[in-house]
Amino acid sequence: MNTTLIALCASLVLLAAPARADENPVVVDALSGYMDFAEYGSSLIWPEQIPAADWNKIFIVDARDAAQYAKEHIPGAVNIDWRQAVARRGDLPKDRMVVMYCNSGSLSAQAVFALRLLGYDNVKVLQDGFEGWKAKGGFGAHARASANKPAGN
């Protein structure tokens, strides 16, 4: 099972736990409504899907802590700790794609899940996070993946 799906399920459990204890119908309705209409993969994007020239059109959010961001991050990324994503949602543009990442994708997936529940359909999690982005060639991941496709695909 991929790590993002596990993270989304874990975040659902974390979000639903207080609702179960309190039987908060508003929270239950919001979660049910989102899950009923969420398209599989609609909140995910892989580095290979983004051509190098398109990265400058994307609002990139590094959802790791400030120390990790300071050490190394995707060029152009803004640092918003995943725990602050909801509180700082006003910092996110609504008129273009927002791609959020952490080291592996699990913490940023929780932030993306919460933001999507709040109606931010333009927010996606970078599958495999920062480590996957680096391993796949960074901004060149799309070109690298395209060059490795067998003929006829």
C-alpha atoms as a PDB file:
ATOM      1  CA  MET A   1       0.000   0.000   0.000  1.00  0.00           C
ATOM      2  CA  ASN A   2       1.511   3.350  -0.903  1.00  0.00           C
ATOM      3  CA  THR A   3       2.612   5.703   1.852  1.00  0.00           C
ATOM      4  CA  THR A   4       0.281   8.521   0.882  1.00  0.00           C
ATOM      5  CA  LEU A   5      -2.791   6.289   1.071  1.00  0.00           C
ATOM      6  CA  ILE A   6      -1.640   5.081   4.481  1.00  0.00           C
ATOM      7  CA  ALA A   7      -1.093   8.682   5.584  1.00  0.00           C
ATOM      8  CA  LEU A   8      -4.549   9.708   4.367  1.00  0.00           C
ATOM      9  CA  CYS A   9      -6.144   6.801   6.238  1.00  0.00           C
ATOM     10  CA  ALA A  10      -4.140   7.640   9.360  1.00  0.00           C
ATOM     11  CA  SER A  11      -5.180  11.276   9.179  1.00  0.00           C
ATOM     12  CA  LEU A  12      -8.807  10.216   8.774  1.00  0.00           C
ATOM     13  CA  VAL A  13      -8.497   8.133  11.935  1.00  0.00           C
ATOM     14  CA  LEU A  14      -6.864  11.054  13.768  1.00  0.00           C
ATOM     15  CA  LEU A  15      -9.520  13.492  12.624  1.00  0.00           C
ATOM     16  CA  ALA A  16     -12.405  11.109  13.249  1.00  0.00           C
ATOM     17  CA  ALA A  17     -11.277  10.009  16.733  1.00  0.00           C
ATOM     18  CA  PRO A  18     -12.510  13.170  18.496  1.00  0.00           C
ATOM     19  CA  ALA A  19     -15.688  13.095  16.397  1.00  0.00           C
ATOM     20  CA  ARG A  20     -16.389   9.522  17.470  1.00  0.00           C
ATOM     21  CA  ALA A  21     -15.912  10.436  21.126  1.00  0.00           C
ATOM     22  CA  ASP A  22     -18.104  13.521  20.848  1.00  0.00           C
ATOM     23  CA  GLU A  23     -20.382  12.275  18.054  1.00  0.00           C
ATOM     24  CA  ASN A  24     -19.930  15.615  16.314  1.00  0.00           C
ATOM     25  CA  PRO A  25     -22.267  15.365  13.320  1.00  0.00           C
ATOM     26  CA  VAL A  26     -20.670  18.352  11.557  1.00  0.00           C
ATOM     27  CA  VAL A  27     -17.278  16.637  11.482  1.00  0.00           C
ATOM     28  CA  VAL A  28     -18.802  13.313  10.459  1.00  0.00           C
ATOM     29  CA  ASP A  29     -20.775  14.970   7.650  1.00  0.00           C
ATOM     30  CA  ALA A  30     -17.705  16.827   6.395  1.00  0.00           C
ATOM     31  CA  LEU A  31     -15.595  13.677   6.349  1.00  0.00           C
ATOM     32  CA  SER A  32     -18.329  11.590   4.756  1.00  0.00           C
ATOM     33  CA  GLY A  33     -19.025  14.210   2.127  1.00  0.00           C
ATOM     34  CA  TYR A  34     -15.377  14.491   1.209  1.00  0.00           C
ATOM     35  CA  MET A  35     -14.860  10.736   1.057  1.00  0.00           C
ATOM     36  CA  ASP A  36     -18.007  10.249  -1.057  1.00  0.00           C
ATOM     37  CA  PHE A  37     -16.826  12.600  -3.785  1.00  0.00           C
ATOM     38  CA  ALA A  38     -13.015  12.500  -3.630  1.00  0.00           C
ATOM     39  CA  GLU A  39     -11.517  11.133  -6.810  1.00  0.00           C
ATOM     40  CA  TYR A  40      -8.766   8.595  -6.390  1.00  0.00           C
ATOM     41  CA  GLY A  41      -5.435  10.338  -6.835  1.00  0.00           C
ATOM     42  CA  SER A  42      -6.967  13.815  -7.147  1.00  0.00           C
ATOM     43  CA  SER A  43      -4.838  15.124  -4.302  1.00  0.00           C
ATOM     44  CA  LEU A  44      -1.615  13.439  -5.443  1.00  0.00           C
ATOM     45  CA  ILE A  45       1.017  14.466  -7.941  1.00  0.00           C
ATOM     46  CA  TRP A  46       4.289  12.771  -8.803  1.00  0.00           C
ATOM     47  CA  PRO A  47       7.445  14.699  -9.717  1.00  0.00           C
ATOM     48  CA  GLU A  48       7.410  12.940 -13.092  1.00  0.00           C
ATOM     49  CA  GLN A  49       4.081  14.588 -13.918  1.00  0.00           C
ATOM     50  CA  ILE A  50       5.462  18.127 -13.748  1.00  0.00           C
ATOM     51  CA  PRO A  51       7.551  19.375 -16.688  1.00  0.00           C
ATOM     52  CA  ALA A  52      10.524  21.492 -15.576  1.00  0.00           C
ATOM     53  CA  ALA A  53       9.036  24.643 -17.144  1.00  0.00           C
ATOM     54  CA  ASP A  54       5.798  24.224 -15.148  1.00  0.00           C
ATOM     55  CA  TRP A  55       7.383  24.258 -11.688  1.00  0.00           C
ATOM     56  CA  ASN A  56       7.513  28.074 -11.716  1.00  0.00           C
ATOM     57  CA  LYS A  57       3.703  28.158 -12.147  1.00  0.00           C
ATOM     58  CA  ILE A  58       3.168  26.096  -8.992  1.00  0.00           C
ATOM     59  CA  PHE A  59       3.033  27.422  -5.431  1.00  0.00           C
ATOM     60  CA  ILE A  60       5.358  24.982  -3.649  1.00  0.00           C
ATOM     61  CA  VAL A  61       5.039  24.469   0.101  1.00  0.00           C
ATOM     62  CA  ASP A  62       7.697  22.750   2.180  1.00  0.00           C
ATOM     63  CA  ALA A  63       5.661  21.385   5.088  1.00  0.00           C
ATOM     64  CA  ARG A  64       8.681  20.332   7.145  1.00  0.00           C
ATOM     65  CA  ASP A  65       9.957  22.244  10.155  1.00  0.00           C
ATOM     66  CA  ALA A  66      12.025  25.405   9.745  1.00  0.00           C
ATOM     67  CA  ALA A  67      15.334  23.660  10.504  1.00  0.00           C
ATOM     68  CA  GLN A  68      14.836  21.076   7.748  1.00  0.00           C
ATOM     69  CA  TYR A  69      13.727  23.789   5.341  1.00  0.00           C
ATOM     70  CA  ALA A  70      16.802  25.886   6.143  1.00  0.00           C
ATOM     71  CA  LYS A  71      19.087  22.918   5.545  1.00  0.00           C
ATOM     72  CA  GLU A  72      17.692  22.043   2.104  1.00  0.00           C
ATOM     73  CA  HIS A  73      14.457  22.527   0.167  1.00  0.00           C
ATOM     74  CA  ILE A  74      13.019  22.655  -3.324  1.00  0.00           C
ATOM     75  CA  PRO A  75      14.067  26.011  -4.812  1.00  0.00           C
ATOM     76  CA  GLY A  76      11.167  28.470  -4.706  1.00  0.00           C
ATOM     77  CA  ALA A  77       9.334  26.628  -1.923  1.00  0.00           C
ATOM     78  CA  VAL A  78       7.684  28.514   0.938  1.00  0.00           C
ATOM     79  CA  ASN A  79       7.980  26.980   4.404  1.00  0.00           C
ATOM     80  CA  ILE A  80       4.660  26.308   6.142  1.00  0.00           C
ATOM     81  CA  ASP A  81       4.966  23.604   8.791  1.00  0.00           C
ATOM     82  CA  TRP A  82       2.333  20.907   8.156  1.00  0.00           C
ATOM     83  CA  ARG A  83       0.796  21.574  11.580  1.00  0.00           C
ATOM     84  CA  GLN A  84       0.226  25.215  10.564  1.00  0.00           C
ATOM     85  CA  ALA A  85      -1.330  24.518   7.147  1.00  0.00           C
ATOM     86  CA  VAL A  86      -4.906  25.137   8.271  1.00  0.00           C
ATOM     87  CA  ALA A  87      -4.034  28.226  10.323  1.00  0.00           C
ATOM     88  CA  ARG A  88      -2.035  29.659   7.404  1.00  0.00           C
ATOM     89  CA  ARG A  89      -4.426  28.654   4.624  1.00  0.00           C
ATOM     90  CA  GLY A  90      -4.859  32.324   3.782  1.00  0.00           C
ATOM     91  CA  ASP A  91      -1.245  32.320   2.563  1.00  0.00           C
ATOM     92  CA  LEU A  92      -2.135  29.815  -0.162  1.00  0.00           C
ATOM     93  CA  PRO A  93      -3.254  31.003  -3.582  1.00  0.00           C
ATOM     94  CA  LYS A  94      -6.549  29.668  -4.882  1.00  0.00           C
ATOM     95  CA  ASP A  95      -5.878  30.517  -8.525  1.00  0.00           C
ATOM     96  CA  ARG A  96      -3.079  28.036  -9.185  1.00  0.00           C
ATOM     97  CA  MET A  97      -1.853  24.621  -8.136  1.00  0.00           C
ATOM     98  CA  VAL A  98      -0.330  24.292  -4.680  1.00  0.00           C
ATOM     99  CA  VAL A  99       2.035  21.353  -4.177  1.00  0.00           C
ATOM    100  CA  MET A 100       2.930  20.488  -0.613  1.00  0.00           C
ATOM    101  CA  TYR A 101       5.717  18.154   0.451  1.00  0.00           C
ATOM    102  CA  CYS A 102       7.547  16.863   3.502  1.00  0.00           C
ATOM    103  CA  ASN A 103      10.343  14.269   3.568  1.00  0.00           C
ATOM    104  CA  SER A 104       8.265  11.292   2.450  1.00  0.00           C
ATOM    105  CA  GLY A 105       4.774  12.659   1.820  1.00  0.00           C
ATOM    106  CA  SER A 106       3.046  11.365   4.954  1.00  0.00           C
ATOM    107  CA  LEU A 107       2.878  14.572   7.037  1.00  0.00           C
ATOM    108  CA  SER A 108       2.141  16.797   4.069  1.00  0.00           C
ATOM    109  CA  ALA A 109      -0.645  14.374   3.117  1.00  0.00           C
ATOM    110  CA  GLN A 110      -2.329  15.087   6.450  1.00  0.00           C
ATOM    111  CA  ALA A 111      -2.131  18.825   5.818  1.00  0.00           C
ATOM    112  CA  VAL A 112      -3.439  18.409   2.260  1.00  0.00           C
ATOM    113  CA  PHE A 113      -6.304  16.241   3.503  1.00  0.00           C
ATOM    114  CA  ALA A 114      -7.338  18.926   6.007  1.00  0.00           C
ATOM    115  CA  LEU A 115      -7.074  21.695   3.402  1.00  0.00           C
ATOM    116  CA  ARG A 116      -9.100  19.719   0.878  1.00  0.00           C
ATOM    117  CA  LEU A 117     -11.803  19.185   3.493  1.00  0.00           C
ATOM    118  CA  LEU A 118     -11.891  22.977   3.758  1.00  0.00           C
ATOM    119  CA  GLY A 119     -12.430  23.285   0.006  1.00  0.00           C
ATOM    120  CA  TYR A 120      -8.878  23.812  -1.253  1.00  0.00           C
ATOM    121  CA  ASP A 121      -9.201  21.553  -4.304  1.00  0.00           C
ATOM    122  CA  ASN A 122      -6.069  23.045  -5.874  1.00  0.00           C
ATOM    123  CA  VAL A 123      -3.772  21.598  -3.186  1.00  0.00           C
ATOM    124  CA  LYS A 124      -1.860  18.391  -3.899  1.00  0.00           C
ATOM    125  CA  VAL A 125       0.712  16.339  -2.042  1.00  0.00           C
ATOM    126  CA  LEU A 126       4.000  15.579  -3.763  1.00  0.00           C
ATOM    127  CA  GLN A 127       4.089  11.788  -3.856  1.00  0.00           C
ATOM    128  CA  ASP A 128       7.208  10.418  -2.109  1.00  0.00           C
ATOM    129  CA  GLY A 129       8.028  13.901  -0.753  1.00  0.00           C
ATOM    130  CA  PHE A 130      11.328  15.708  -0.919  1.00  0.00           C
ATOM    131  CA  GLU A 131      13.381  12.520  -0.833  1.00  0.00           C
ATOM    132  CA  GLY A 132      11.456  11.082  -3.789  1.00  0.00           C
ATOM    133  CA  TRP A 133      11.744  14.378  -5.678  1.00  0.00           C
ATOM    134  CA  LYS A 134      15.533  14.302  -5.294  1.00  0.00           C
ATOM    135  CA  ALA A 135      15.810  10.598  -6.155  1.00  0.00           C
ATOM    136  CA  LYS A 136      13.711  11.047  -9.303  1.00  0.00           C
ATOM    137  CA  GLY A 137      15.787  13.941 -10.610  1.00  0.00           C
ATOM    138  CA  GLY A 138      14.232  17.054  -9.046  1.00  0.00           C
ATOM    139  CA  PHE A 139      12.993  19.520 -11.652  1.00  0.00           C
ATOM    140  CA  GLY A 140      14.223  17.103 -14.316  1.00  0.00           C
ATOM    141  CA  ALA A 141      12.069  14.174 -13.146  1.00  0.00           C
ATOM    142  CA  HIS A 142       9.555  14.625 -15.973  1.00  0.00           C
ATOM    143  CA  ALA A 143      12.238  14.669 -18.687  1.00  0.00           C
ATOM    144  CA  ARG A 144      14.031  11.750 -17.078  1.00  0.00           C
ATOM    145  CA  ALA A 145      10.837   9.676 -16.897  1.00  0.00           C
ATOM    146  CA  SER A 146       9.892  10.606 -20.467  1.00  0.00           C
ATOM    147  CA  ALA A 147      13.326   9.541 -21.739  1.00  0.00           C
ATOM    148  CA  ASN A 148      12.952   6.181 -19.998  1.00  0.00           C
ATOM    149  CA  LYS A 149       9.541   5.342 -21.499  1.00  0.00           C
ATOM    150  CA  PRO A 150       9.568   2.416 -23.910  1.00  0.00           C
ATOM    151  CA  ALA A 151       8.793   3.274 -27.545  1.00  0.00           C
ATOM    152  CA  GLY A 152       5.090   3.351 -28.326  1.00  0.00           C
ATOM    153  CA  ASN A 153       3.963   4.566 -24.889  1.00  0.00           C
END
